[in-house]
Protein backbone atom coordinates (compact mmCIF):
# COMPACT_ATOMS: atom_id res chain seq x y z
CA MET A 1 22.42 26.39 -0.39
CA PRO A 2 23.43 23.24 1.58
CA GLN A 3 20.11 21.33 0.74
CA LEU A 4 21.20 21.18 -2.90
CA ASN A 5 24.16 19.19 -2.17
CA PRO A 6 23.46 15.47 -2.60
CA GLY A 7 26.80 14.33 -1.30
CA PRO A 8 26.12 13.59 2.30
CA TRP A 9 22.50 12.22 1.84
CA PHE A 10 22.66 10.28 -1.55
CA LEU A 11 24.62 7.23 -0.16
CA THR A 12 22.06 7.12 2.80
CA MET A 13 19.20 7.20 0.44
CA LEU A 14 20.70 4.69 -1.75
CA MET A 15 21.47 2.28 0.99
CA THR A 16 18.03 2.69 2.49
CA TRP A 17 16.37 1.84 -0.87
CA LEU A 18 18.69 -1.12 -1.36
CA THR A 19 17.95 -2.47 2.01
CA TYR A 20 14.25 -2.20 1.60
CA LEU A 21 14.33 -3.69 -1.91
CA MET A 22 16.64 -6.64 -1.07
CA ILE A 23 15.72 -7.48 2.49
CA ILE A 24 12.42 -6.05 3.58
CA GLN A 25 10.43 -6.31 0.47
CA PRO A 26 10.92 -10.16 -0.20
CA LYS A 27 9.97 -10.83 3.60
CA LEU A 28 6.94 -8.72 3.38
CA LEU A 29 5.71 -10.39 0.13
CA SER A 30 6.25 -13.87 1.46
CA PHE A 31 3.21 -13.42 3.88
CA THR A 32 0.09 -15.12 2.68
CA PRO A 33 -3.18 -13.03 3.03
CA ILE A 34 -5.64 -14.61 5.42
CA ASN A 35 -8.66 -13.39 3.48
CA SER A 36 -7.95 -13.60 -0.18
CA PRO A 37 -10.29 -11.51 -2.40
CA SER A 38 -10.47 -14.32 -4.95
CA ASN A 39 -12.28 -16.61 -2.48
CA MET A 40 -15.32 -13.96 -1.92
CA PRO A 41 -18.42 -15.05 -3.41
CA ASN A 42 -20.04 -12.79 -6.14
CA THR A 43 -23.24 -11.51 -4.55
CA THR A 44 -25.23 -8.46 -5.56
CA THR A 45 -27.27 -6.64 -3.03
CA LYS A 46 -30.49 -4.88 -3.64
CA THR A 47 -30.39 -1.38 -2.80
CA THR A 48 -33.35 0.93 -2.21
CA SER A 49 -33.34 4.70 -2.21
CA TRP A 50 -34.24 6.59 0.81
CA LEU A 51 -37.40 8.58 1.17
CA TRP A 52 -36.22 11.85 2.56
CA PRO A 53 -38.85 13.51 4.81
CA TRP A 54 -38.09 17.09 3.91
CA THR A 55 -38.44 16.69 0.06
């Protein structure tokens, strides 16, 4: 069963993850989010239940 032989694909998978961890991930983490969740005000909204016409 050739799909169980990790020889041809293990190096490809290893290089892909190393590229992601060393190059792509730090570049993505350096971006600053525009709308930071910590700047959102803590407001509570009053909700009312619906009056279903068929009940």
